[in-house]
C-alpha atoms as a PDB file:
ATOM      1  CA  MET A   1     -33.266 -49.944 150.394  1.00  0.00           C
ATOM      2  CA  ASN A   2     -30.598 -51.351 152.711  1.00  0.00           C
ATOM      3  CA  LEU A   3     -28.410 -54.351 151.965  1.00  0.00           C
ATOM      4  CA  GLU A   4     -30.523 -56.903 153.819  1.00  0.00           C
ATOM      5  CA  GLN A   5     -33.695 -55.693 152.110  1.00  0.00           C
ATOM      6  CA  SER A   6     -31.931 -55.886 148.756  1.00  0.00           C
ATOM      7  CA  LYS A   7     -30.882 -59.463 149.405  1.00  0.00           C
ATOM      8  CA  LEU A   8     -34.387 -60.395 150.522  1.00  0.00           C
ATOM      9  CA  THR A   9     -35.866 -58.834 147.402  1.00  0.00           C
ATOM     10  CA  ILE A  10     -33.486 -60.641 145.089  1.00  0.00           C
ATOM     11  CA  ASN A  11     -33.733 -64.016 146.781  1.00  0.00           C
ATOM     12  CA  GLY A  12     -37.513 -63.803 146.726  1.00  0.00           C
ATOM     13  CA  THR A  13     -37.709 -62.844 143.085  1.00  0.00           C
ATOM     14  CA  PHE A  14     -38.848 -66.193 141.774  1.00  0.00           C
ATOM     15  CA  ASN A  15     -41.410 -66.597 144.523  1.00  0.00           C
ATOM     16  CA  SER A  16     -43.116 -63.293 143.713  1.00  0.00           C
ATOM     17  CA  ASN A  17     -42.332 -62.677 140.066  1.00  0.00           C
ATOM     18  CA  GLY A  18     -41.577 -66.097 138.624  1.00  0.00           C
ATOM     19  CA  GLY A  19     -44.642 -65.891 136.409  1.00  0.00           C
ATOM     20  CA  LEU A  20     -43.459 -62.601 134.969  1.00  0.00           C
ATOM     21  CA  LEU A  21     -40.036 -64.027 134.181  1.00  0.00           C
ATOM     22  CA  TRP A  22     -41.192 -67.106 132.338  1.00  0.00           C
ATOM     23  CA  ALA A  23     -44.061 -65.302 130.616  1.00  0.00           C
ATOM     24  CA  ALA A  24     -41.584 -62.766 129.288  1.00  0.00           C
ATOM     25  CA  LEU A  25     -39.253 -65.519 128.115  1.00  0.00           C
ATOM     26  CA  PHE A  26     -41.962 -67.389 126.239  1.00  0.00           C
ATOM     27  CA  SER A  27     -43.298 -64.160 124.774  1.00  0.00           C
ATOM     28  CA  LEU A  28     -40.014 -63.858 122.885  1.00  0.00           C
ATOM     29  CA  LEU A  29     -40.693 -67.016 120.892  1.00  0.00           C
ATOM     30  CA  PRO A  30     -43.395 -65.641 118.535  1.00  0.00           C
ATOM     31  CA  PHE A  31     -41.238 -62.606 117.823  1.00  0.00           C
ATOM     32  CA  PHE A  32     -38.302 -64.848 116.976  1.00  0.00           C
ATOM     33  CA  PHE A  33     -40.213 -67.178 114.662  1.00  0.00           C
ATOM     34  CA  ILE A  34     -42.040 -64.374 112.827  1.00  0.00           C
ATOM     35  CA  THR A  35     -38.877 -62.432 112.122  1.00  0.00           C
ATOM     36  CA  PHE A  36     -37.039 -65.647 111.310  1.00  0.00           C
ATOM     37  CA  ALA A  37     -39.668 -66.469 108.670  1.00  0.00           C
ATOM     38  CA  VAL A  38     -39.305 -62.997 107.152  1.00  0.00           C
ATOM     39  CA  ILE A  39     -35.550 -63.154 106.681  1.00  0.00           C
ATOM     40  CA  MET A  40     -35.739 -66.703 105.319  1.00  0.00           C
ATOM     41  CA  ASN A  41     -37.413 -65.265 102.223  1.00  0.00           C
ATOM     42  CA  GLU A  42     -34.394 -63.077 101.417  1.00  0.00           C
ATOM     43  CA  THR A  43     -32.980 -65.705  99.068  1.00  0.00           C
ATOM     44  CA  LYS A  44     -34.403 -68.700  97.226  1.00  0.00           C
ATOM     45  CA  GLN A  45     -31.432 -70.947  97.960  1.00  0.00           C
ATOM     46  CA  LYS A  46     -32.331 -73.833 100.241  1.00  0.00           C
ATOM     47  CA  ARG A  47     -30.983 -73.516 103.772  1.00  0.00           C
ATOM     48  CA  THR A  48     -31.111 -75.931 106.677  1.00  0.00           C
ATOM     49  CA  PHE A  49     -31.406 -75.252 110.378  1.00  0.00           C
ATOM     50  CA  LYS A  50     -27.702 -76.084 110.601  1.00  0.00           C
ATOM     51  CA  ASP A  51     -26.926 -73.259 108.149  1.00  0.00           C
ATOM     52  CA  TRP A  52     -28.688 -70.760 110.396  1.00  0.00           C
ATOM     53  CA  ILE A  53     -26.707 -71.982 113.397  1.00  0.00           C
ATOM     54  CA  ILE A  54     -23.383 -71.895 111.543  1.00  0.00           C
ATOM     55  CA  ALA A  55     -24.073 -68.301 110.496  1.00  0.00           C
ATOM     56  CA  MET A  56     -23.773 -67.384 114.180  1.00  0.00           C
ATOM     57  CA  ARG A  57     -20.217 -68.807 114.278  1.00  0.00           C
ATOM     58  CA  PRO A  58     -20.936 -71.006 117.324  1.00  0.00           C
ATOM     59  CA  TRP A  59     -17.306 -72.171 117.550  1.00  0.00           C
ATOM     60  CA  SER A  60     -16.516 -68.692 118.898  1.00  0.00           C
ATOM     61  CA  PHE A  61     -18.987 -68.964 121.791  1.00  0.00           C
ATOM     62  CA  THR A  62     -16.308 -70.083 124.247  1.00  0.00           C
ATOM     63  CA  ALA A  63     -15.400 -66.387 124.442  1.00  0.00           C
ATOM     64  CA  SER A  64     -18.798 -65.657 126.005  1.00  0.00           C
ATOM     65  CA  ILE A  65     -19.336 -68.934 127.867  1.00  0.00           C
ATOM     66  CA  MET A  66     -16.056 -69.018 129.809  1.00  0.00           C
ATOM     67  CA  PRO A  67     -16.469 -65.711 131.694  1.00  0.00           C
ATOM     68  CA  ILE A  68     -19.923 -66.760 132.914  1.00  0.00           C
ATOM     69  CA  LEU A  69     -18.607 -70.151 134.049  1.00  0.00           C
ATOM     70  CA  ILE A  70     -15.883 -68.373 136.016  1.00  0.00           C
ATOM     71  CA  LEU A  71     -18.423 -66.024 137.562  1.00  0.00           C
ATOM     72  CA  TRP A  72     -20.572 -68.983 138.579  1.00  0.00           C
ATOM     73  CA  GLY A  73     -17.516 -70.446 140.260  1.00  0.00           C
ATOM     74  CA  LEU A  74     -16.746 -67.140 141.983  1.00  0.00           C
ATOM     75  CA  LEU A  75     -20.372 -66.820 143.108  1.00  0.00           C
ATOM     76  CA  PHE A  76     -20.383 -70.353 144.478  1.00  0.00           C
ATOM     77  CA  TYR A  77     -17.100 -69.743 146.294  1.00  0.00           C
ATOM     78  CA  GLY A  78     -18.336 -66.446 147.755  1.00  0.00           C
ATOM     79  CA  GLN A  79     -21.639 -67.967 148.839  1.00  0.00           C
ATOM     80  CA  THR A  80     -19.867 -70.908 150.490  1.00  0.00           C
ATOM     81  CA  CYS A  81     -17.594 -68.500 152.359  1.00  0.00           C
ATOM     82  CA  GLY A  82     -20.627 -66.517 153.523  1.00  0.00           C
ATOM     83  CA  ASN A  83     -19.685 -63.345 151.648  1.00  0.00           C
ATOM     84  CA  PHE A  84     -23.080 -62.963 149.967  1.00  0.00           C
ATOM     85  CA  SER A  85     -26.231 -64.820 148.979  1.00  0.00           C
ATOM     86  CA  VAL A  86     -26.820 -65.668 145.313  1.00  0.00           C
ATOM     87  CA  ASN A  87     -29.912 -65.738 143.121  1.00  0.00           C
ATOM     88  CA  TRP A  88     -28.892 -68.684 140.969  1.00  0.00           C
ATOM     89  CA  HIS A  89     -31.861 -68.466 138.623  1.00  0.00           C
ATOM     90  CA  ILE A  90     -30.757 -65.011 137.524  1.00  0.00           C
ATOM     91  CA  ALA A  91     -27.099 -66.042 137.414  1.00  0.00           C
ATOM     92  CA  PHE A  92     -27.967 -68.902 135.041  1.00  0.00           C
ATOM     93  CA  LEU A  93     -29.929 -66.590 132.723  1.00  0.00           C
ATOM     94  CA  CYS A  94     -26.833 -64.445 132.218  1.00  0.00           C
ATOM     95  CA  LEU A  95     -25.293 -67.200 130.072  1.00  0.00           C
ATOM     96  CA  PRO A  96     -27.895 -67.352 127.261  1.00  0.00           C
ATOM     97  CA  MET A  97     -28.137 -63.558 127.317  1.00  0.00           C
ATOM     98  CA  LEU A  98     -24.405 -63.097 126.708  1.00  0.00           C
ATOM     99  CA  VAL A  99     -24.283 -65.871 124.082  1.00  0.00           C
ATOM    100  CA  LEU A 100     -27.165 -64.249 122.159  1.00  0.00           C
ATOM    101  CA  MET A 101     -25.419 -60.885 122.261  1.00  0.00           C
ATOM    102  CA  HIS A 102     -22.235 -62.569 121.068  1.00  0.00           C
ATOM    103  CA  ALA A 103     -23.977 -64.390 118.209  1.00  0.00           C
ATOM    104  CA  GLY A 104     -25.717 -61.239 117.024  1.00  0.00           C
ATOM    105  CA  GLY A 105     -22.512 -59.254 117.219  1.00  0.00           C
ATOM    106  CA  ASN A 106     -20.732 -61.895 115.135  1.00  0.00           C
ATOM    107  CA  MET A 107     -23.233 -61.529 112.309  1.00  0.00           C
ATOM    108  CA  VAL A 108     -23.340 -57.738 112.373  1.00  0.00           C
ATOM    109  CA  SER A 109     -19.540 -57.777 112.213  1.00  0.00           C
ATOM    110  CA  ASP A 110     -19.592 -60.271 109.323  1.00  0.00           C
ATOM    111  CA  TYR A 111     -21.900 -57.973 107.371  1.00  0.00           C
ATOM    112  CA  PHE A 112     -19.636 -54.957 107.741  1.00  0.00           C
ATOM    113  CA  ASP A 113     -16.516 -57.024 107.030  1.00  0.00           C
ATOM    114  CA  TYR A 114     -18.155 -58.144 103.779  1.00  0.00           C
ATOM    115  CA  LYS A 115     -19.428 -54.695 102.870  1.00  0.00           C
ATOM    116  CA  HIS A 116     -16.011 -53.063 103.387  1.00  0.00           C
ATOM    117  CA  LYS A 117     -14.162 -55.964 101.709  1.00  0.00           C
ATOM    118  CA  VAL A 118     -12.295 -56.935 104.856  1.00  0.00           C
ATOM    119  CA  ASP A 119     -13.258 -60.568 104.299  1.00  0.00           C
ATOM    120  CA  LEU A 120     -12.595 -61.850 100.797  1.00  0.00           C
ATOM    121  CA  PRO A 121     -13.377 -65.198  99.122  1.00  0.00           C
ATOM    122  CA  GLY A 122     -10.970 -67.861 100.326  1.00  0.00           C
ATOM    123  CA  GLY A 123     -10.047 -65.842 103.431  1.00  0.00           C
ATOM    124  CA  PRO A 124      -8.744 -67.585 106.567  1.00  0.00           C
ATOM    125  CA  ASN A 125     -11.667 -66.786 108.874  1.00  0.00           C
ATOM    126  CA  GLY A 126     -13.992 -69.435 107.399  1.00  0.00           C
ATOM    127  CA  VAL A 127     -16.929 -67.074 106.744  1.00  0.00           C
ATOM    128  CA  THR A 128     -18.117 -68.413 103.379  1.00  0.00           C
ATOM    129  CA  TRP A 129     -21.912 -68.307 103.604  1.00  0.00           C
ATOM    130  CA  ILE A 130     -22.231 -64.850 102.036  1.00  0.00           C
ATOM    131  CA  PHE A 131     -19.772 -65.461  99.215  1.00  0.00           C
ATOM    132  CA  ASN A 132     -21.303 -68.798  98.212  1.00  0.00           C
ATOM    133  CA  GLY A 133     -24.801 -67.291  98.067  1.00  0.00           C
ATOM    134  CA  LYS A 134     -26.178 -69.276 100.986  1.00  0.00           C
ATOM    135  CA  PHE A 135     -27.154 -65.979 102.625  1.00  0.00           C
ATOM    136  CA  LYS A 136     -27.433 -62.466 101.311  1.00  0.00           C
ATOM    137  CA  ALA A 137     -25.357 -59.919 103.183  1.00  0.00           C
ATOM    138  CA  LYS A 138     -28.401 -58.032 104.446  1.00  0.00           C
ATOM    139  CA  THR A 139     -29.954 -61.286 105.639  1.00  0.00           C
ATOM    140  CA  ILE A 140     -26.951 -61.763 107.894  1.00  0.00           C
ATOM    141  CA  LEU A 141     -27.274 -58.171 109.109  1.00  0.00           C
ATOM    142  CA  TYR A 142     -31.001 -58.520 109.893  1.00  0.00           C
ATOM    143  CA  TYR A 143     -30.443 -61.905 111.494  1.00  0.00           C
ATOM    144  CA  GLY A 144     -27.710 -60.446 113.700  1.00  0.00           C
ATOM    145  CA  ILE A 145     -29.882 -57.516 114.770  1.00  0.00           C
ATOM    146  CA  ILE A 146     -32.759 -59.856 115.628  1.00  0.00           C
ATOM    147  CA  VAL A 147     -30.539 -62.071 117.757  1.00  0.00           C
ATOM    148  CA  GLU A 148     -29.101 -58.983 119.454  1.00  0.00           C
ATOM    149  CA  ILE A 149     -32.645 -57.831 120.260  1.00  0.00           C
ATOM    150  CA  LEU A 150     -33.458 -61.248 121.707  1.00  0.00           C
ATOM    151  CA  GLY A 151     -30.406 -60.960 123.954  1.00  0.00           C
ATOM    152  CA  ALA A 152     -31.476 -57.464 124.981  1.00  0.00           C
ATOM    153  CA  CYS A 153     -34.998 -58.709 125.781  1.00  0.00           C
ATOM    154  CA  LEU A 154     -33.565 -61.398 127.994  1.00  0.00           C
ATOM    155  CA  GLY A 155     -31.460 -58.726 129.680  1.00  0.00           C
ATOM    156  CA  ILE A 156     -34.614 -56.699 130.331  1.00  0.00           C
ATOM    157  CA  VAL A 157     -36.256 -59.767 131.859  1.00  0.00           C
ATOM    158  CA  ILE A 158     -33.272 -60.063 134.206  1.00  0.00           C
ATOM    159  CA  LEU A 159     -33.512 -56.384 135.157  1.00  0.00           C
ATOM    160  CA  LEU A 160     -37.277 -56.641 135.731  1.00  0.00           C
ATOM    161  CA  ASN A 161     -36.613 -59.347 138.268  1.00  0.00           C
ATOM    162  CA  THR A 162     -33.676 -57.688 140.018  1.00  0.00           C
ATOM    163  CA  SER A 163     -32.967 -53.962 139.639  1.00  0.00           C
ATOM    164  CA  TRP A 164     -32.659 -51.402 136.851  1.00  0.00           C
ATOM    165  CA  ASN A 165     -29.484 -50.083 138.433  1.00  0.00           C
ATOM    166  CA  PRO A 166     -27.079 -51.947 136.114  1.00  0.00           C
ATOM    167  CA  ILE A 167     -28.907 -51.019 132.898  1.00  0.00           C
ATOM    168  CA  TRP A 168     -25.897 -48.875 131.950  1.00  0.00           C
ATOM    169  CA  ILE A 169     -23.907 -52.100 131.573  1.00  0.00           C
ATOM    170  CA  GLY A 170     -26.389 -53.443 129.032  1.00  0.00           C
ATOM    171  CA  ILE A 171     -26.437 -50.180 127.075  1.00  0.00           C
ATOM    172  CA  ILE A 172     -22.646 -50.098 126.826  1.00  0.00           C
ATOM    173  CA  GLY A 173     -22.620 -53.787 125.879  1.00  0.00           C
ATOM    174  CA  MET A 174     -25.084 -53.185 123.047  1.00  0.00           C
ATOM    175  CA  LEU A 175     -22.967 -50.262 121.845  1.00  0.00           C
ATOM    176  CA  PHE A 176     -19.853 -52.431 121.763  1.00  0.00           C
ATOM    177  CA  ALA A 177     -21.701 -55.204 119.916  1.00  0.00           C
ATOM    178  CA  PHE A 178     -23.209 -53.000 117.199  1.00  0.00           C
ATOM    179  CA  CYS A 179     -20.177 -50.740 116.763  1.00  0.00           C
ATOM    180  CA  TYR A 180     -17.399 -53.345 116.905  1.00  0.00           C
ATOM    181  CA  PHE A 181     -16.426 -52.749 113.280  1.00  0.00           C
ATOM    182  CA  TRP A 182     -15.897 -49.046 113.987  1.00  0.00           C
ATOM    183  CA  PHE A 183     -13.958 -49.752 117.182  1.00  0.00           C
ATOM    184  CA  LYS A 184     -11.768 -52.283 115.389  1.00  0.00           C
ATOM    185  CA  GLY A 185     -10.975 -49.799 112.635  1.00  0.00           C
ATOM    186  CA  HIS A 186      -9.994 -47.084 115.127  1.00  0.00           C
ATOM    187  CA  TRP A 187      -7.507 -48.961 117.336  1.00  0.00           C
ATOM    188  CA  LEU A 188     -10.152 -49.892 119.934  1.00  0.00           C
ATOM    189  CA  GLY A 189     -11.089 -53.439 118.940  1.00  0.00           C
ATOM    190  CA  ASP A 190      -9.030 -54.971 121.743  1.00  0.00           C
ATOM    191  CA  PHE A 191     -10.671 -52.675 124.298  1.00  0.00           C
ATOM    192  CA  ASP A 192     -14.094 -53.601 122.908  1.00  0.00           C
ATOM    193  CA  ILE A 193     -13.397 -57.315 123.334  1.00  0.00           C
ATOM    194  CA  LEU A 194     -11.947 -56.904 126.834  1.00  0.00           C
ATOM    195  CA  CYS A 195     -15.051 -55.045 127.972  1.00  0.00           C
ATOM    196  CA  SER A 196     -17.585 -57.207 126.104  1.00  0.00           C
ATOM    197  CA  PHE A 197     -16.244 -60.606 127.167  1.00  0.00           C
ATOM    198  CA  ALA A 198     -14.712 -59.887 130.568  1.00  0.00           C
ATOM    199  CA  LEU A 199     -15.263 -56.607 132.407  1.00  0.00           C
ATOM    200  CA  LEU A 200     -18.936 -55.897 131.621  1.00  0.00           C
ATOM    201  CA  PRO A 201     -20.186 -59.495 132.106  1.00  0.00           C
ATOM    202  CA  ALA A 202     -18.255 -59.684 135.374  1.00  0.00           C
ATOM    203  CA  ILE A 203     -19.609 -56.545 136.998  1.00  0.00           C
ATOM    204  CA  GLY A 204     -23.113 -57.101 135.584  1.00  0.00           C
ATOM    205  CA  THR A 205     -23.512 -60.766 136.509  1.00  0.00           C
ATOM    206  CA  MET A 206     -22.242 -60.192 140.026  1.00  0.00           C
ATOM    207  CA  TYR A 207     -24.695 -57.348 140.547  1.00  0.00           C
ATOM    208  CA  VAL A 208     -27.839 -59.073 139.306  1.00  0.00           C
ATOM    209  CA  ALA A 209     -26.943 -62.279 141.162  1.00  0.00           C
ATOM    210  CA  THR A 210     -26.069 -60.670 144.505  1.00  0.00           C
ATOM    211  CA  GLY A 211     -27.677 -57.221 144.511  1.00  0.00           C
ATOM    212  CA  GLN A 212     -24.320 -55.509 144.960  1.00  0.00           C
ATOM    213  CA  TYR A 213     -21.470 -54.226 142.849  1.00  0.00           C
ATOM    214  CA  HIS A 214     -18.229 -56.122 143.438  1.00  0.00           C
ATOM    215  CA  PRO A 215     -15.421 -54.069 141.835  1.00  0.00           C
ATOM    216  CA  GLU A 216     -12.823 -56.687 142.774  1.00  0.00           C
ATOM    217  CA  THR A 217     -14.457 -58.991 140.236  1.00  0.00           C
ATOM    218  CA  LEU A 218     -12.888 -56.865 137.494  1.00  0.00           C
ATOM    219  CA  LEU A 219      -9.492 -58.022 138.733  1.00  0.00           C
ATOM    220  CA  PHE A 220     -10.433 -61.677 139.049  1.00  0.00           C
ATOM    221  CA  ILE A 221     -11.829 -61.860 135.491  1.00  0.00           C
ATOM    222  CA  LEU A 222      -8.834 -60.040 133.980  1.00  0.00           C
ATOM    223  CA  PRO A 223      -6.707 -63.185 133.344  1.00  0.00           C
ATOM    224  CA  LEU A 224      -9.425 -64.621 131.116  1.00  0.00           C
ATOM    225  CA  GLY A 225     -10.028 -61.223 129.541  1.00  0.00           C
ATOM    226  CA  LEU A 226      -6.401 -60.954 128.453  1.00  0.00           C
ATOM    227  CA  LEU A 227      -6.513 -64.412 126.889  1.00  0.00           C
ATOM    228  CA  THR A 228      -9.719 -63.503 125.051  1.00  0.00           C
ATOM    229  CA  VAL A 229      -8.058 -60.361 123.704  1.00  0.00           C
ATOM    230  CA  SER A 230      -5.099 -62.499 122.601  1.00  0.00           C
ATOM    231  CA  ILE A 231      -7.450 -64.312 120.199  1.00  0.00           C
ATOM    232  CA  LEU A 232      -8.296 -61.031 118.484  1.00  0.00           C
ATOM    233  CA  HIS A 233      -4.674 -59.912 118.608  1.00  0.00           C
ATOM    234  CA  ALA A 234      -3.531 -63.095 116.864  1.00  0.00           C
ATOM    235  CA  ASN A 235      -6.279 -62.653 114.264  1.00  0.00           C
ATOM    236  CA  ASN A 236      -5.495 -59.001 113.610  1.00  0.00           C
ATOM    237  CA  THR A 237      -1.747 -59.636 113.527  1.00  0.00           C
ATOM    238  CA  ARG A 238      -2.262 -62.325 110.901  1.00  0.00           C
ATOM    239  CA  ASP A 239      -4.528 -60.011 108.896  1.00  0.00           C
ATOM    240  CA  LEU A 240      -2.744 -56.728 109.548  1.00  0.00           C
ATOM    241  CA  HIS A 241      -2.000 -56.025 105.868  1.00  0.00           C
ATOM    242  CA  SER A 242      -5.410 -57.063 104.524  1.00  0.00           C
ATOM    243  CA  ASP A 243      -7.170 -55.073 107.260  1.00  0.00           C
ATOM    244  CA  HIS A 244      -5.077 -52.021 106.422  1.00  0.00           C
ATOM    245  CA  ASN A 245      -5.812 -52.396 102.712  1.00  0.00           C
ATOM    246  CA  ALA A 246      -9.525 -52.404 103.610  1.00  0.00           C
ATOM    247  CA  GLY A 247      -9.092 -49.092 105.433  1.00  0.00           C
ATOM    248  CA  LEU A 248      -8.982 -50.428 109.002  1.00  0.00           C
ATOM    249  CA  GLU A 249      -6.437 -48.972 111.388  1.00  0.00           C
ATOM    250  CA  THR A 250      -6.220 -51.818 113.865  1.00  0.00           C
ATOM    251  CA  LEU A 251      -4.069 -51.675 116.953  1.00  0.00           C
ATOM    252  CA  SER A 252      -2.033 -54.589 115.609  1.00  0.00           C
ATOM    253  CA  TYR A 253      -1.183 -52.687 112.410  1.00  0.00           C
ATOM    254  CA  SER A 254      -0.280 -49.552 114.345  1.00  0.00           C
ATOM    255  CA  MET A 255       2.091 -51.471 116.611  1.00  0.00           C
ATOM    256  CA  GLY A 256       3.684 -53.502 113.847  1.00  0.00           C
ATOM    257  CA  GLY A 257       4.848 -57.095 113.983  1.00  0.00           C
ATOM    258  CA  ARG A 258       7.757 -56.648 116.398  1.00  0.00           C
ATOM    259  CA  ILE A 259       5.808 -54.865 119.143  1.00  0.00           C
ATOM    260  CA  GLY A 260       2.780 -57.013 118.389  1.00  0.00           C
ATOM    261  CA  LYS A 261       4.773 -60.108 119.323  1.00  0.00           C
ATOM    262  CA  ARG A 262       5.629 -58.625 122.716  1.00  0.00           C
ATOM    263  CA  VAL A 263       2.023 -57.668 123.344  1.00  0.00           C
ATOM    264  CA  TYR A 264       0.924 -61.223 122.568  1.00  0.00           C
ATOM    265  CA  LEU A 265       3.534 -62.576 124.992  1.00  0.00           C
ATOM    266  CA  PHE A 266       2.172 -60.270 127.705  1.00  0.00           C
ATOM    267  CA  GLU A 267      -1.434 -61.308 127.015  1.00  0.00           C
ATOM    268  CA  THR A 268      -0.585 -65.000 127.357  1.00  0.00           C
ATOM    269  CA  ILE A 269       1.874 -64.865 130.297  1.00  0.00           C
ATOM    270  CA  ALA A 270       0.219 -62.223 132.499  1.00  0.00           C
ATOM    271  CA  PRO A 271      -2.865 -64.396 133.273  1.00  0.00           C
ATOM    272  CA  TYR A 272      -0.700 -66.933 135.117  1.00  0.00           C
ATOM    273  CA  ILE A 273       1.147 -64.225 137.051  1.00  0.00           C
ATOM    274  CA  LEU A 274      -2.109 -62.491 137.969  1.00  0.00           C
ATOM    275  CA  THR A 275      -3.635 -65.757 139.167  1.00  0.00           C
ATOM    276  CA  LEU A 276      -0.634 -66.350 141.424  1.00  0.00           C
ATOM    277  CA  ILE A 277      -0.940 -62.799 142.794  1.00  0.00           C
ATOM    278  CA  TYR A 278      -4.658 -63.266 143.511  1.00  0.00           C
ATOM    279  CA  CYS A 279      -4.028 -66.511 145.371  1.00  0.00           C
ATOM    280  CA  THR A 280      -1.165 -64.986 147.377  1.00  0.00           C
ATOM    281  CA  PHE A 281      -2.469 -61.542 148.252  1.00  0.00           C
ATOM    282  CA  CYS A 282      -6.219 -61.397 147.464  1.00  0.00           C
ATOM    283  CA  HIS A 283      -7.532 -64.353 149.489  1.00  0.00           C
ATOM    284  CA  GLN A 284      -8.502 -66.351 146.405  1.00  0.00           C
ATOM    285  CA  PRO A 285      -8.321 -70.167 146.660  1.00  0.00           C
ATOM    286  CA  TRP A 286      -5.005 -71.757 145.761  1.00  0.00           C
ATOM    287  CA  THR A 287      -6.927 -74.257 143.699  1.00  0.00           C
ATOM    288  CA  LEU A 288      -7.057 -71.579 140.971  1.00  0.00           C
ATOM    289  CA  MET A 289      -3.439 -72.479 140.224  1.00  0.00           C
ATOM    290  CA  ILE A 290      -4.774 -75.554 138.447  1.00  0.00           C
ATOM    291  CA  VAL A 291      -4.602 -73.287 135.382  1.00  0.00           C
ATOM    292  CA  ILE A 292      -0.871 -74.005 135.304  1.00  0.00           C
ATOM    293  CA  LEU A 293      -1.824 -77.172 133.402  1.00  0.00           C
ATOM    294  CA  THR A 294      -2.458 -74.995 130.340  1.00  0.00           C
ATOM    295  CA  LEU A 295       0.980 -73.365 130.427  1.00  0.00           C
ATOM    296  CA  PRO A 296       2.453 -75.748 127.785  1.00  0.00           C
ATOM    297  CA  ILE A 297      -0.243 -74.585 125.340  1.00  0.00           C
ATOM    298  CA  ALA A 298       0.592 -70.949 126.090  1.00  0.00           C
ATOM    299  CA  ILE A 299       4.292 -71.603 125.515  1.00  0.00           C
ATOM    300  CA  ARG A 300       3.524 -73.370 122.221  1.00  0.00           C
ATOM    301  CA  ASN A 301       1.485 -70.406 121.029  1.00  0.00           C
ATOM    302  CA  GLU A 302       4.177 -67.929 122.074  1.00  0.00           C
ATOM    303  CA  LYS A 303       6.821 -69.893 120.174  1.00  0.00           C
ATOM    304  CA  THR A 304       4.607 -69.784 117.089  1.00  0.00           C
ATOM    305  CA  MET A 305       4.280 -66.009 117.339  1.00  0.00           C
ATOM    306  CA  LEU A 306       7.987 -65.468 117.973  1.00  0.00           C
ATOM    307  CA  ALA A 307       8.973 -67.707 115.052  1.00  0.00           C
ATOM    308  CA  ALA A 308       7.060 -65.528 112.581  1.00  0.00           C
ATOM    309  CA  ASP A 309       8.841 -62.715 110.785  1.00  0.00           C
ATOM    310  CA  ASP A 310       7.773 -59.167 111.506  1.00  0.00           C
ATOM    311  CA  ASN A 311       5.610 -58.717 108.397  1.00  0.00           C
ATOM    312  CA  MET A 312       3.465 -61.725 109.441  1.00  0.00           C
ATOM    313  CA  VAL A 313       2.491 -62.626 105.879  1.00  0.00           C
ATOM    314  CA  GLY A 314       1.281 -66.239 105.991  1.00  0.00           C
ATOM    315  CA  GLN A 315       3.175 -66.936 109.200  1.00  0.00           C
ATOM    316  CA  ILE A 316       0.474 -67.584 111.816  1.00  0.00           C
ATOM    317  CA  PRO A 317      -2.568 -68.941 109.948  1.00  0.00           C
ATOM    318  CA  THR A 318      -4.032 -70.869 112.900  1.00  0.00           C
ATOM    319  CA  LEU A 319      -2.712 -68.952 115.899  1.00  0.00           C
ATOM    320  CA  ASP A 320      -6.108 -67.378 116.556  1.00  0.00           C
ATOM    321  CA  LYS A 321      -7.696 -70.849 116.794  1.00  0.00           C
ATOM    322  CA  ASN A 322      -4.879 -72.065 119.056  1.00  0.00           C
ATOM    323  CA  SER A 323      -5.329 -68.962 121.215  1.00  0.00           C
ATOM    324  CA  ALA A 324      -9.044 -69.728 121.478  1.00  0.00           C
ATOM    325  CA  GLN A 325      -8.168 -73.250 122.626  1.00  0.00           C
ATOM    326  CA  LEU A 326      -5.943 -71.798 125.354  1.00  0.00           C
ATOM    327  CA  GLN A 327      -8.656 -69.353 126.432  1.00  0.00           C
ATOM    328  CA  MET A 328     -11.238 -72.131 126.678  1.00  0.00           C
ATOM    329  CA  LEU A 329      -9.065 -74.533 128.698  1.00  0.00           C
ATOM    330  CA  PHE A 330      -7.715 -71.805 130.985  1.00  0.00           C
ATOM    331  CA  GLY A 331     -11.230 -70.494 131.637  1.00  0.00           C
ATOM    332  CA  LEU A 332     -12.613 -73.952 132.328  1.00  0.00           C
ATOM    333  CA  LEU A 333      -9.853 -74.780 134.817  1.00  0.00           C
ATOM    334  CA  TYR A 334     -10.124 -71.340 136.439  1.00  0.00           C
ATOM    335  CA  ALA A 335     -13.841 -71.954 137.039  1.00  0.00           C
ATOM    336  CA  ILE A 336     -13.178 -75.484 138.308  1.00  0.00           C
ATOM    337  CA  GLY A 337     -10.590 -74.016 140.682  1.00  0.00           C
ATOM    338  CA  TYR A 338     -13.271 -71.898 142.342  1.00  0.00           C
ATOM    339  CA  PHE A 339     -15.669 -74.835 142.690  1.00  0.00           C
ATOM    340  CA  ILE A 340     -12.958 -77.065 144.167  1.00  0.00           C
ATOM    341  CA  GLY A 341     -11.840 -74.269 146.477  1.00  0.00           C
ATOM    342  CA  ALA A 342     -15.388 -73.920 147.771  1.00  0.00           C
ATOM    343  CA  ALA A 343     -15.623 -77.655 148.423  1.00  0.00           C
ATOM    344  CA  LEU A 344     -12.376 -77.886 150.414  1.00  0.00           C
END
């Protein structure tokens, strides 16, 4: 199939296969409610709908929402410039798919953190619903797997309506989601996060929305990817001793506090330098430099990291949350920069 035929096929997807798409989506609902009813019987303690939502750790969803927003901006900019045509229906479906995968991965990770005593009562990560008996540990595991499967089903719906070519991206993404605990404990947690919340969504979303691979997208999503990794780095640096005591060999522990500080500085300064390079040499809109408005937050976070002593005990209790704030605001402005650039 040549490029023009591919574009025609993708742009005509909803005209020819719209019924298949929505039928597949609605077919997921009985599966969800049946399995949801099964796991609700795991404990007799009363739980509300809010409890089930909180178990997903929705406050972390900015890590999965921001890359898709940026890709929407990049798609809109590319379409406006005449670089490619976009199937927006498919592009929009990429957001709930990635959020579901993220939510499921959170709960699978929480289960293994509990099982291996990485998270302890009164810990700083706020995961209390297993310790207080609201949920059994295996309930969280089953719940996470179910949500992961829902995300995978939505991914299959997307592939059915585009092409099976990028299925390798989904397989690798599932591997990263289910095996995050292992990756984290073998120095690869940062790589897992960079791929899961930047590189894989970028290359996958661009393909299913345009019918082509766009390798340059890996560069353009890298600033956000580094800031997303900085959230994990701040978390693991804060917990480097407790993680090590639980048998995890994280990258942060291997580097130690002194080198870890320098890595964090790189992860929070490089995104601004990369954005400037893209605008100067890669024909990206200068409106992306609106991200400079978040630089004071980055500097504040860097000062917090530098002020901590090298053993990090009790020194940076909220730096991961502050890093998440920076990632969210930077990502939002980066996406807005593409939309404004397309309008000018």
